[in-house]
Amino acid sequence: MTNDWEQENKVVMTKLPREDFVKLKRICEREDKKINKKIRELINQEINKTHGVAVEGKLRKFFIPSENRVVEMVEVGEDE
């Protein structure tokens, strides 16, 4: 029997040139992170940078008098 966590994740594999792997390993050592964790972070950063993060909420406009500008923000409700 598999749990929900296993069903939501997929394995991604790639081959790296030795020089790139050595650089990645040094970064991981410097940040005290495991290679898989760092790879997940880098993939998420790239996906979010390119495609953004989907959120649900109410679009609100706010006027900031000190800056004389209007900003739009999405007001996100708390999970119940």
N, C-alpha and C. Protein backbone atom coordinates (compact mmCIF):
# COMPACT_ATOMS: atom_id res chain seq x y z
N MET A 1 0.85 -1.18 0.00
CA MET A 1 0.00 0.00 0.00
C MET A 1 0.89 1.24 0.00
N THR A 2 0.62 2.20 -0.88
CA THR A 2 1.38 3.44 -0.93
C THR A 2 0.60 4.56 -0.28
N ASN A 3 1.32 5.51 0.30
CA ASN A 3 0.62 6.64 0.90
C ASN A 3 0.49 7.77 -0.11
N ASP A 4 -0.26 8.82 0.24
CA ASP A 4 -0.51 9.94 -0.67
C ASP A 4 0.78 10.63 -1.08
N TRP A 5 1.74 10.74 -0.14
CA TRP A 5 2.98 11.45 -0.43
C TRP A 5 3.72 10.80 -1.57
N GLU A 6 3.78 9.47 -1.58
CA GLU A 6 4.48 8.76 -2.64
C GLU A 6 3.79 8.93 -3.98
N GLN A 7 2.47 9.02 -3.98
CA GLN A 7 1.73 9.14 -5.22
C GLN A 7 1.86 10.53 -5.83
N GLU A 8 2.15 11.55 -5.02
CA GLU A 8 2.23 12.92 -5.51
C GLU A 8 3.60 13.25 -6.10
N ASN A 9 4.61 12.46 -5.81
CA ASN A 9 5.97 12.76 -6.24
C ASN A 9 6.40 11.89 -7.40
N LYS A 10 7.22 12.44 -8.25
CA LYS A 10 7.81 11.71 -9.36
C LYS A 10 9.32 11.88 -9.30
N VAL A 11 10.04 10.90 -9.76
CA VAL A 11 11.50 10.93 -9.76
C VAL A 11 11.98 11.54 -11.07
N VAL A 12 12.93 12.45 -10.97
CA VAL A 12 13.54 13.07 -12.15
C VAL A 12 15.03 12.78 -12.09
N MET A 13 15.59 12.29 -13.19
CA MET A 13 17.02 11.97 -13.21
C MET A 13 17.68 12.66 -14.39
N THR A 14 18.97 12.96 -14.22
CA THR A 14 19.74 13.55 -15.30
C THR A 14 21.21 13.19 -15.13
N LYS A 15 21.95 13.32 -16.19
CA LYS A 15 23.40 13.12 -16.12
C LYS A 15 24.04 14.50 -16.18
N LEU A 16 25.06 14.70 -15.33
CA LEU A 16 25.79 15.96 -15.31
C LEU A 16 27.25 15.71 -15.67
N PRO A 17 27.87 16.66 -16.37
CA PRO A 17 29.31 16.54 -16.54
C PRO A 17 29.99 16.59 -15.17
N ARG A 18 31.11 15.92 -15.04
CA ARG A 18 31.80 15.82 -13.76
C ARG A 18 32.06 17.19 -13.14
N GLU A 19 32.45 18.18 -13.95
CA GLU A 19 32.74 19.52 -13.42
C GLU A 19 31.51 20.15 -12.78
N ASP A 20 30.35 19.98 -13.43
CA ASP A 20 29.10 20.52 -12.88
C ASP A 20 28.71 19.83 -11.58
N PHE A 21 28.92 18.52 -11.54
CA PHE A 21 28.60 17.78 -10.33
C PHE A 21 29.49 18.24 -9.17
N VAL A 22 30.76 18.45 -9.45
CA VAL A 22 31.68 18.92 -8.41
C VAL A 22 31.24 20.29 -7.90
N LYS A 23 30.84 21.18 -8.80
CA LYS A 23 30.35 22.51 -8.38
C LYS A 23 29.10 22.38 -7.52
N LEU A 24 28.16 21.52 -7.95
CA LEU A 24 26.94 21.31 -7.19
C LEU A 24 27.25 20.75 -5.80
N LYS A 25 28.17 19.81 -5.75
CA LYS A 25 28.54 19.20 -4.47
C LYS A 25 29.15 20.25 -3.53
N ARG A 26 30.00 21.13 -4.06
CA ARG A 26 30.59 22.20 -3.24
C ARG A 26 29.52 23.14 -2.70
N ILE A 27 28.57 23.51 -3.55
CA ILE A 27 27.47 24.39 -3.12
C ILE A 27 26.70 23.71 -1.98
N CYS A 28 26.40 22.43 -2.15
CA CYS A 28 25.65 21.70 -1.13
C CYS A 28 26.42 21.63 0.19
N GLU A 29 27.70 21.40 0.11
CA GLU A 29 28.52 21.35 1.32
C GLU A 29 28.55 22.71 2.01
N ARG A 30 28.68 23.77 1.22
CA ARG A 30 28.73 25.12 1.77
C ARG A 30 27.42 25.48 2.46
N GLU A 31 26.29 25.04 1.88
CA GLU A 31 24.97 25.35 2.43
C GLU A 31 24.49 24.27 3.40
N ASP A 32 25.31 23.25 3.62
CA ASP A 32 24.97 22.14 4.51
C ASP A 32 23.63 21.51 4.12
N LYS A 33 23.50 21.19 2.82
CA LYS A 33 22.28 20.56 2.30
C LYS A 33 22.67 19.32 1.52
N LYS A 34 21.74 18.38 1.47
CA LYS A 34 21.94 17.19 0.65
C LYS A 34 21.70 17.57 -0.80
N ILE A 35 22.32 16.82 -1.70
CA ILE A 35 22.23 17.12 -3.13
C ILE A 35 20.77 17.11 -3.61
N ASN A 36 20.00 16.11 -3.20
CA ASN A 36 18.59 16.04 -3.65
C ASN A 36 17.80 17.26 -3.20
N LYS A 37 18.02 17.72 -1.98
CA LYS A 37 17.30 18.90 -1.49
C LYS A 37 17.66 20.13 -2.32
N LYS A 38 18.94 20.31 -2.62
CA LYS A 38 19.38 21.46 -3.40
C LYS A 38 18.81 21.41 -4.82
N ILE A 39 18.80 20.22 -5.40
CA ILE A 39 18.24 20.08 -6.75
C ILE A 39 16.76 20.43 -6.75
N ARG A 40 16.01 19.96 -5.72
CA ARG A 40 14.58 20.32 -5.63
C ARG A 40 14.41 21.82 -5.52
N GLU A 41 15.25 22.48 -4.69
CA GLU A 41 15.17 23.93 -4.55
C GLU A 41 15.42 24.64 -5.87
N LEU A 42 16.44 24.20 -6.59
CA LEU A 42 16.79 24.84 -7.87
C LEU A 42 15.68 24.64 -8.91
N ILE A 43 15.11 23.46 -8.96
CA ILE A 43 14.01 23.20 -9.90
C ILE A 43 12.81 24.07 -9.55
N ASN A 44 12.46 24.13 -8.26
CA ASN A 44 11.33 24.97 -7.85
C ASN A 44 11.57 26.44 -8.15
N GLN A 45 12.79 26.92 -7.92
CA GLN A 45 13.11 28.32 -8.23
C GLN A 45 12.91 28.59 -9.72
N GLU A 46 13.39 27.70 -10.55
CA GLU A 46 13.29 27.89 -12.00
C GLU A 46 11.84 27.84 -12.46
N ILE A 47 11.07 26.89 -11.95
CA ILE A 47 9.66 26.78 -12.33
C ILE A 47 8.90 28.02 -11.88
N ASN A 48 9.11 28.45 -10.65
CA ASN A 48 8.39 29.62 -10.12
C ASN A 48 8.82 30.90 -10.82
N LYS A 49 10.08 31.00 -11.19
CA LYS A 49 10.57 32.19 -11.89
C LYS A 49 9.92 32.30 -13.28
N THR A 50 9.79 31.19 -13.94
CA THR A 50 9.26 31.17 -15.31
C THR A 50 7.74 31.18 -15.34
N HIS A 51 7.12 30.41 -14.46
CA HIS A 51 5.68 30.21 -14.54
C HIS A 51 4.90 30.78 -13.36
N GLY A 52 5.59 31.26 -12.35
CA GLY A 52 4.92 31.80 -11.19
C GLY A 52 4.31 30.71 -10.32
N VAL A 53 3.66 31.13 -9.28
CA VAL A 53 3.03 30.20 -8.35
C VAL A 53 1.53 30.51 -8.35
N ALA A 54 0.72 29.50 -8.55
CA ALA A 54 -0.73 29.69 -8.57
C ALA A 54 -1.24 29.92 -7.15
N VAL A 55 -2.03 30.95 -6.98
CA VAL A 55 -2.67 31.22 -5.69
C VAL A 55 -4.14 31.53 -5.92
N GLU A 56 -4.92 31.26 -4.92
CA GLU A 56 -6.34 31.60 -4.99
C GLU A 56 -6.63 32.60 -3.89
N GLY A 57 -7.40 33.58 -4.21
CA GLY A 57 -7.76 34.58 -3.22
C GLY A 57 -8.50 35.73 -3.88
N LYS A 58 -8.65 36.80 -3.13
CA LYS A 58 -9.39 37.96 -3.60
C LYS A 58 -8.40 39.07 -3.97
N LEU A 59 -8.49 39.59 -5.20
CA LEU A 59 -7.63 40.67 -5.65
C LEU A 59 -8.06 41.97 -4.99
N ARG A 60 -7.13 42.63 -4.33
CA ARG A 60 -7.44 43.89 -3.64
C ARG A 60 -6.44 44.94 -4.08
N LYS A 61 -6.91 46.21 -4.13
CA LYS A 61 -6.05 47.34 -4.45
C LYS A 61 -5.87 48.19 -3.20
N PHE A 62 -4.65 48.63 -2.98
CA PHE A 62 -4.33 49.47 -1.83
C PHE A 62 -3.61 50.72 -2.31
N PHE A 63 -4.00 51.87 -1.76
CA PHE A 63 -3.31 53.13 -2.06
C PHE A 63 -2.32 53.39 -0.94
N ILE A 64 -1.07 53.66 -1.32
CA ILE A 64 -0.03 53.96 -0.34
C ILE A 64 0.29 55.45 -0.47
N PRO A 65 -0.27 56.27 0.44
CA PRO A 65 -0.11 57.73 0.32
C PRO A 65 1.34 58.20 0.36
N SER A 66 2.16 57.61 1.20
CA SER A 66 3.55 58.05 1.32
C SER A 66 4.34 57.85 0.02
N GLU A 67 3.90 56.88 -0.79
CA GLU A 67 4.57 56.62 -2.07
C GLU A 67 3.74 57.10 -3.25
N ASN A 68 2.52 57.60 -2.97
CA ASN A 68 1.61 58.09 -3.99
C ASN A 68 1.42 57.06 -5.12
N ARG A 69 1.12 55.84 -4.70
CA ARG A 69 0.90 54.79 -5.71
C ARG A 69 -0.12 53.78 -5.21
N VAL A 70 -0.64 53.03 -6.17
CA VAL A 70 -1.61 51.97 -5.89
C VAL A 70 -0.93 50.64 -6.15
N VAL A 71 -1.11 49.70 -5.24
CA VAL A 71 -0.57 48.36 -5.44
C VAL A 71 -1.72 47.36 -5.41
N GLU A 72 -1.56 46.31 -6.18
CA GLU A 72 -2.54 45.23 -6.18
C GLU A 72 -1.94 44.03 -5.46
N MET A 73 -2.75 43.42 -4.61
CA MET A 73 -2.32 42.23 -3.88
C MET A 73 -3.45 41.22 -3.88
N VAL A 74 -3.08 39.97 -3.77
CA VAL A 74 -4.08 38.91 -3.64
C VAL A 74 -4.17 38.58 -2.16
N GLU A 75 -5.38 38.72 -1.61
CA GLU A 75 -5.61 38.38 -0.22
C GLU A 75 -5.98 36.90 -0.16
N VAL A 76 -5.13 36.13 0.49
CA VAL A 76 -5.29 34.69 0.55
C VAL A 76 -5.87 34.31 1.90
N GLY A 77 -6.95 33.52 1.89
CA GLY A 77 -7.56 33.08 3.14
C GLY A 77 -6.74 31.97 3.76
N GLU A 78 -6.92 31.76 5.04
CA GLU A 78 -6.22 30.70 5.73
C GLU A 78 -6.89 29.37 5.46
N ASP A 79 -6.09 28.30 5.46
CA ASP A 79 -6.64 26.95 5.28
C ASP A 79 -7.50 26.60 6.48
N GLU A 80 -8.56 25.92 6.20
CA GLU A 80 -9.46 25.51 7.30
C GLU A 80 -9.27 24.05 7.60
